[in-house]
C-alpha atoms as a PDB file:
ATOM      1  CA  MET A   1     140.566  96.730  77.573  1.00  0.00           C
ATOM      2  CA  ARG A   2     138.991  93.434  78.643  1.00  0.00           C
ATOM      3  CA  TYR A   3     139.869  94.187  82.303  1.00  0.00           C
ATOM      4  CA  ILE A   4     138.359  97.671  82.137  1.00  0.00           C
ATOM      5  CA  LYS A   5     135.177  96.238  80.637  1.00  0.00           C
ATOM      6  CA  ALA A   6     135.033  93.566  83.388  1.00  0.00           C
ATOM      7  CA  ALA A   7     135.585  96.198  86.097  1.00  0.00           C
ATOM      8  CA  LEU A   8     132.872  98.468  84.698  1.00  0.00           C
ATOM      9  CA  THR A   9     130.488  95.526  84.372  1.00  0.00           C
ATOM     10  CA  GLY A  10     131.172  94.548  87.999  1.00  0.00           C
ATOM     11  CA  LEU A  11     130.671  98.115  89.197  1.00  0.00           C
ATOM     12  CA  PHE A  12     127.417  98.360  87.244  1.00  0.00           C
ATOM     13  CA  LEU A  13     126.196  95.068  88.757  1.00  0.00           C
ATOM     14  CA  GLY A  14     127.157  96.258  92.242  1.00  0.00           C
ATOM     15  CA  ILE A  15     125.239  99.501  91.810  1.00  0.00           C
ATOM     16  CA  LEU A  16     122.270  97.683  90.268  1.00  0.00           C
ATOM     17  CA  THR A  17     122.253  95.227  93.168  1.00  0.00           C
ATOM     18  CA  SER A  18     122.276  98.110  95.655  1.00  0.00           C
ATOM     19  CA  PHE A  19     119.020  99.358  94.149  1.00  0.00           C
ATOM     20  CA  LEU A  20     117.475  95.898  94.268  1.00  0.00           C
ATOM     21  CA  PHE A  21     118.108  95.324  97.977  1.00  0.00           C
ATOM     22  CA  SER A  22     117.180  97.971 100.505  1.00  0.00           C
ATOM     23  CA  CYS A  23     119.778  96.662 102.994  1.00  0.00           C
ATOM     24  CA  ALA A  24     122.378  96.929 100.273  1.00  0.00           C
ATOM     25  CA  GLY A  25     124.889  99.343  98.950  1.00  0.00           C
ATOM     26  CA  ALA A  26     127.679  99.329  96.398  1.00  0.00           C
ATOM     27  CA  ARG A  27     131.301  99.664  97.461  1.00  0.00           C
ATOM     28  CA  LEU A  28     134.411  99.945  95.336  1.00  0.00           C
ATOM     29  CA  ILE A  29     136.731  98.425  97.945  1.00  0.00           C
ATOM     30  CA  PRO A  30     136.117  96.539 101.184  1.00  0.00           C
ATOM     31  CA  HIS A  31     136.338  98.523 104.425  1.00  0.00           C
ATOM     32  CA  TYR A  32     137.124  95.543 106.655  1.00  0.00           C
ATOM     33  CA  ASP A  33     139.876  92.969 106.654  1.00  0.00           C
ATOM     34  CA  GLY A  34     137.939  89.795 107.449  1.00  0.00           C
ATOM     35  CA  VAL A  35     135.375  89.470 110.203  1.00  0.00           C
ATOM     36  CA  ASP A  36     135.364  91.382 113.489  1.00  0.00           C
ATOM     37  CA  PRO A  37     136.168  88.885 116.281  1.00  0.00           C
ATOM     38  CA  LYS A  38     132.903  89.740 118.084  1.00  0.00           C
ATOM     39  CA  LEU A  39     130.966  88.729 114.956  1.00  0.00           C
ATOM     40  CA  GLU A  40     133.004  85.656 114.002  1.00  0.00           C
ATOM     41  CA  PRO A  41     130.908  83.170 116.072  1.00  0.00           C
ATOM     42  CA  TYR A  42     127.762  84.209 114.146  1.00  0.00           C
ATOM     43  CA  VAL A  43     129.505  83.725 110.798  1.00  0.00           C
ATOM     44  CA  GLN A  44     130.786  80.292 111.838  1.00  0.00           C
ATOM     45  CA  GLU A  45     127.347  79.219 113.083  1.00  0.00           C
ATOM     46  CA  TYR A  46     125.796  80.422 109.811  1.00  0.00           C
ATOM     47  CA  LYS A  47     128.277  78.426 107.738  1.00  0.00           C
ATOM     48  CA  THR A  48     127.673  75.333 109.870  1.00  0.00           C
ATOM     49  CA  LEU A  49     123.917  75.658 109.337  1.00  0.00           C
ATOM     50  CA  ALA A  50     124.482  76.149 105.596  1.00  0.00           C
ATOM     51  CA  LYS A  51     126.530  72.926 105.417  1.00  0.00           C
ATOM     52  CA  TYR A  52     123.748  71.105 107.241  1.00  0.00           C
ATOM     53  CA  HIS A  53     121.433  72.335 104.456  1.00  0.00           C
ATOM     54  CA  GLY A  54     123.863  71.130 101.773  1.00  0.00           C
ATOM     55  CA  ILE A  55     125.285  74.545 100.920  1.00  0.00           C
ATOM     56  CA  THR A  56     128.949  75.527 100.827  1.00  0.00           C
ATOM     57  CA  PHE A  57     130.396  78.908  99.986  1.00  0.00           C
ATOM     58  CA  ASN A  58     133.485  79.498  97.863  1.00  0.00           C
ATOM     59  CA  ASN A  59     134.073  83.079  99.007  1.00  0.00           C
ATOM     60  CA  GLU A  60     134.355  84.953 102.272  1.00  0.00           C
ATOM     61  CA  VAL A  61     132.263  87.916 103.379  1.00  0.00           C
ATOM     62  CA  SER A  62     133.907  90.605 105.500  1.00  0.00           C
ATOM     63  CA  VAL A  63     131.907  91.964 108.447  1.00  0.00           C
ATOM     64  CA  GLY A  64     132.507  94.850 110.805  1.00  0.00           C
ATOM     65  CA  PHE A  65     131.032  97.502 113.041  1.00  0.00           C
ATOM     66  CA  THR A  66     130.375 101.088 112.016  1.00  0.00           C
ATOM     67  CA  ASN A  67     127.977 103.946 112.728  1.00  0.00           C
ATOM     68  CA  ILE A  68     125.444 103.469 109.942  1.00  0.00           C
ATOM     69  CA  ASP A  69     123.403 106.561 110.869  1.00  0.00           C
ATOM     70  CA  GLN A  70     120.749 106.026 108.165  1.00  0.00           C
ATOM     71  CA  GLY A  71     117.414 106.094 109.940  1.00  0.00           C
ATOM     72  CA  ASP A  72     116.263 102.658 111.061  1.00  0.00           C
ATOM     73  CA  ILE A  73     118.975 100.687 109.209  1.00  0.00           C
ATOM     74  CA  ILE A  74     120.832  98.441 111.656  1.00  0.00           C
ATOM     75  CA  GLY A  75     122.715  96.255 109.182  1.00  0.00           C
ATOM     76  CA  GLN A  76     123.744  96.767 105.592  1.00  0.00           C
ATOM     77  CA  THR A  77     125.197  94.433 102.972  1.00  0.00           C
ATOM     78  CA  HIS A  78     127.495  95.834 100.297  1.00  0.00           C
ATOM     79  CA  TYR A  79     128.234  94.207  96.952  1.00  0.00           C
ATOM     80  CA  GLY A  80     131.562  94.992  95.337  1.00  0.00           C
ATOM     81  CA  LEU A  81     133.252  93.802  92.196  1.00  0.00           C
ATOM     82  CA  TYR A  82     134.799  90.702  93.790  1.00  0.00           C
ATOM     83  CA  PHE A  83     133.619  90.914  97.379  1.00  0.00           C
ATOM     84  CA  ARG A  84     130.643  91.244  99.674  1.00  0.00           C
ATOM     85  CA  GLU A  85     130.720  93.052 102.974  1.00  0.00           C
ATOM     86  CA  ILE A  86     128.402  93.695 105.894  1.00  0.00           C
ATOM     87  CA  ASP A  87     128.172  96.739 108.149  1.00  0.00           C
ATOM     88  CA  ILE A  88     126.587  96.306 111.569  1.00  0.00           C
ATOM     89  CA  ASP A  89     125.540  99.423 113.449  1.00  0.00           C
ATOM     90  CA  LYS A  90     127.675  99.710 116.613  1.00  0.00           C
ATOM     91  CA  ALA A  91     125.167 101.492 118.821  1.00  0.00           C
ATOM     92  CA  TYR A  92     122.352  99.132 117.906  1.00  0.00           C
ATOM     93  CA  TRP A  93     124.452  95.993 118.422  1.00  0.00           C
ATOM     94  CA  PHE A  94     125.608  96.839 121.914  1.00  0.00           C
ATOM     95  CA  ASN A  95     122.025  97.493 123.041  1.00  0.00           C
ATOM     96  CA  ALA A  96     120.445  94.470 121.312  1.00  0.00           C
ATOM     97  CA  THR A  97     119.462  91.159 122.871  1.00  0.00           C
ATOM     98  CA  GLN A  98     121.391  88.010 121.992  1.00  0.00           C
ATOM     99  CA  ILE A  99     118.428  86.755 119.949  1.00  0.00           C
ATOM    100  CA  THR A 100     118.173  89.994 117.991  1.00  0.00           C
ATOM    101  CA  ARG A 101     121.918  89.969 117.308  1.00  0.00           C
ATOM    102  CA  THR A 102     121.605  86.452 115.895  1.00  0.00           C
ATOM    103  CA  THR A 103     118.632  87.253 113.656  1.00  0.00           C
ATOM    104  CA  LEU A 104     120.296  90.455 112.421  1.00  0.00           C
ATOM    105  CA  MET A 105     123.498  88.611 111.529  1.00  0.00           C
ATOM    106  CA  PHE A 106     121.665  85.711 109.875  1.00  0.00           C
ATOM    107  CA  HIS A 107     119.545  88.182 107.887  1.00  0.00           C
ATOM    108  CA  GLU A 108     122.573  90.105 106.590  1.00  0.00           C
ATOM    109  CA  LEU A 109     124.616  86.943 106.014  1.00  0.00           C
ATOM    110  CA  THR A 110     121.742  85.566 103.922  1.00  0.00           C
ATOM    111  CA  HIS A 111     121.859  88.700 101.764  1.00  0.00           C
ATOM    112  CA  ALA A 112     125.632  88.405 101.396  1.00  0.00           C
ATOM    113  CA  TYR A 113     126.199  84.661 101.110  1.00  0.00           C
ATOM    114  CA  CYS A 114     122.943  83.646  99.388  1.00  0.00           C
ATOM    115  CA  LEU A 115     121.972  86.787  97.428  1.00  0.00           C
ATOM    116  CA  ARG A 116     118.521  86.669  99.011  1.00  0.00           C
ATOM    117  CA  ASP A 117     116.196  89.638  98.936  1.00  0.00           C
ATOM    118  CA  HIS A 118     113.514  90.606 101.458  1.00  0.00           C
ATOM    119  CA  ASP A 119     111.328  87.713 100.381  1.00  0.00           C
ATOM    120  CA  TYR A 120     109.409  84.729 101.712  1.00  0.00           C
ATOM    121  CA  GLY A 121     107.591  81.598 100.570  1.00  0.00           C
ATOM    122  CA  ASP A 122     108.277  80.984  96.909  1.00  0.00           C
ATOM    123  CA  GLY A 123     110.290  84.194  96.558  1.00  0.00           C
ATOM    124  CA  LYS A 124     107.516  86.736  96.936  1.00  0.00           C
ATOM    125  CA  LYS A 125     108.949  90.073  98.076  1.00  0.00           C
ATOM    126  CA  TYR A 126     107.832  91.861 101.211  1.00  0.00           C
ATOM    127  CA  ASP A 127     106.448  95.286 100.316  1.00  0.00           C
ATOM    128  CA  LYS A 128     108.135  97.664 102.775  1.00  0.00           C
ATOM    129  CA  LYS A 129     105.578 100.380 102.049  1.00  0.00           C
ATOM    130  CA  ASN A 130     102.593  98.126 102.692  1.00  0.00           C
ATOM    131  CA  LEU A 131     103.415  95.358 105.150  1.00  0.00           C
ATOM    132  CA  ASN A 132     100.154  93.448 105.183  1.00  0.00           C
ATOM    133  CA  ILE A 133      99.296  92.040 108.602  1.00  0.00           C
ATOM    134  CA  THR A 134      98.725  88.543 107.178  1.00  0.00           C
ATOM    135  CA  GLU A 135     100.638  88.285 103.885  1.00  0.00           C
ATOM    136  CA  GLY A 136     104.015  86.627 104.394  1.00  0.00           C
ATOM    137  CA  ARG A 137     103.209  85.800 107.996  1.00  0.00           C
ATOM    138  CA  PHE A 138     102.431  82.786 110.142  1.00  0.00           C
ATOM    139  CA  LYS A 139      99.051  82.422 111.874  1.00  0.00           C
ATOM    140  CA  ASP A 140     100.501  84.147 114.954  1.00  0.00           C
ATOM    141  CA  PHE A 141     101.383  87.146 112.697  1.00  0.00           C
ATOM    142  CA  CYS A 142     105.134  86.547 112.940  1.00  0.00           C
ATOM    143  CA  PRO A 143     106.933  87.004 109.589  1.00  0.00           C
ATOM    144  CA  GLN A 144     107.434  83.797 107.602  1.00  0.00           C
ATOM    145  CA  SER A 145     111.039  84.665 106.825  1.00  0.00           C
ATOM    146  CA  ILE A 146     114.151  85.875 108.576  1.00  0.00           C
ATOM    147  CA  MET A 147     114.417  88.071 105.456  1.00  0.00           C
ATOM    148  CA  PHE A 148     111.570  90.261 106.749  1.00  0.00           C
ATOM    149  CA  PRO A 149     112.786  93.833 106.091  1.00  0.00           C
ATOM    150  CA  TYR A 150     112.543  94.925 109.722  1.00  0.00           C
ATOM    151  CA  GLU A 151     113.909  93.651 113.021  1.00  0.00           C
ATOM    152  CA  LEU A 152     112.340  90.352 114.056  1.00  0.00           C
ATOM    153  CA  ASP A 153     110.649  90.286 117.429  1.00  0.00           C
ATOM    154  CA  ASP A 154     112.507  88.027 119.881  1.00  0.00           C
ATOM    155  CA  ASN A 155     109.302  86.093 120.583  1.00  0.00           C
ATOM    156  CA  CYS A 156     108.861  85.367 116.871  1.00  0.00           C
ATOM    157  CA  ALA A 157     112.517  84.370 116.550  1.00  0.00           C
ATOM    158  CA  MET A 158     112.153  81.859 119.381  1.00  0.00           C
ATOM    159  CA  ALA A 159     108.754  80.541 118.270  1.00  0.00           C
ATOM    160  CA  HIS A 160     109.845  79.963 114.650  1.00  0.00           C
ATOM    161  CA  TYR A 161     113.593  79.465 114.979  1.00  0.00           C
ATOM    162  CA  GLN A 162     113.798  76.220 112.995  1.00  0.00           C
ATOM    163  CA  GLU A 163     111.435  77.500 110.303  1.00  0.00           C
ATOM    164  CA  TYR A 164     113.582  80.633 109.902  1.00  0.00           C
ATOM    165  CA  ILE A 165     116.785  78.589 109.730  1.00  0.00           C
ATOM    166  CA  ASP A 166     115.366  76.237 107.088  1.00  0.00           C
ATOM    167  CA  GLU A 167     113.793  79.040 105.052  1.00  0.00           C
ATOM    168  CA  MET A 168     116.853  81.307 104.958  1.00  0.00           C
ATOM    169  CA  PHE A 169     118.710  78.745 102.818  1.00  0.00           C
ATOM    170  CA  GLU A 170     115.860  78.310 100.320  1.00  0.00           C
ATOM    171  CA  ARG A 171     116.598  79.906  96.973  1.00  0.00           C
ATOM    172  CA  CYS A 172     120.230  80.403  98.082  1.00  0.00           C
ATOM    173  CA  ILE A 173     122.675  81.298  95.332  1.00  0.00           C
ATOM    174  CA  PRO A 174     125.967  80.534  97.138  1.00  0.00           C
ATOM    175  CA  PHE A 175     128.721  83.153  97.030  1.00  0.00           C
END
């Protein structure tokens, strides 16, 4: 009975989490066995950056390619009972720049490994329905966070790379 209660609690939390994060979904079982070899370098770089910021993770996140086919969603993090998993849209990935691939992976990895939402600053959420031109942005109008809910412009990613790297580990709850 205790195991059934734990499983139902985990499923409930996974579904609840999927409603909290727009890049998120609930999954009962993982779809991938580990990390796709094409995505492994991004995961390793992310973990190296996390260690530099004093953060270590006790769990692994699986990552793979799929056809997401849900409007403008190019990456999606799933929260399961005992796992987290990331889908990356195949078509988008193979047409993206190297910079965009990196920011997409770091964004999704920050959801999965740090349980971060689409937030910035002191944890204030970006409002996807009303993205103010100045709120949550630098003076050059680039988003203040890699957790911006839409694809980061390559110019912004290059101009604020170190700020994005430092900020993505703020408020991290390590997985």
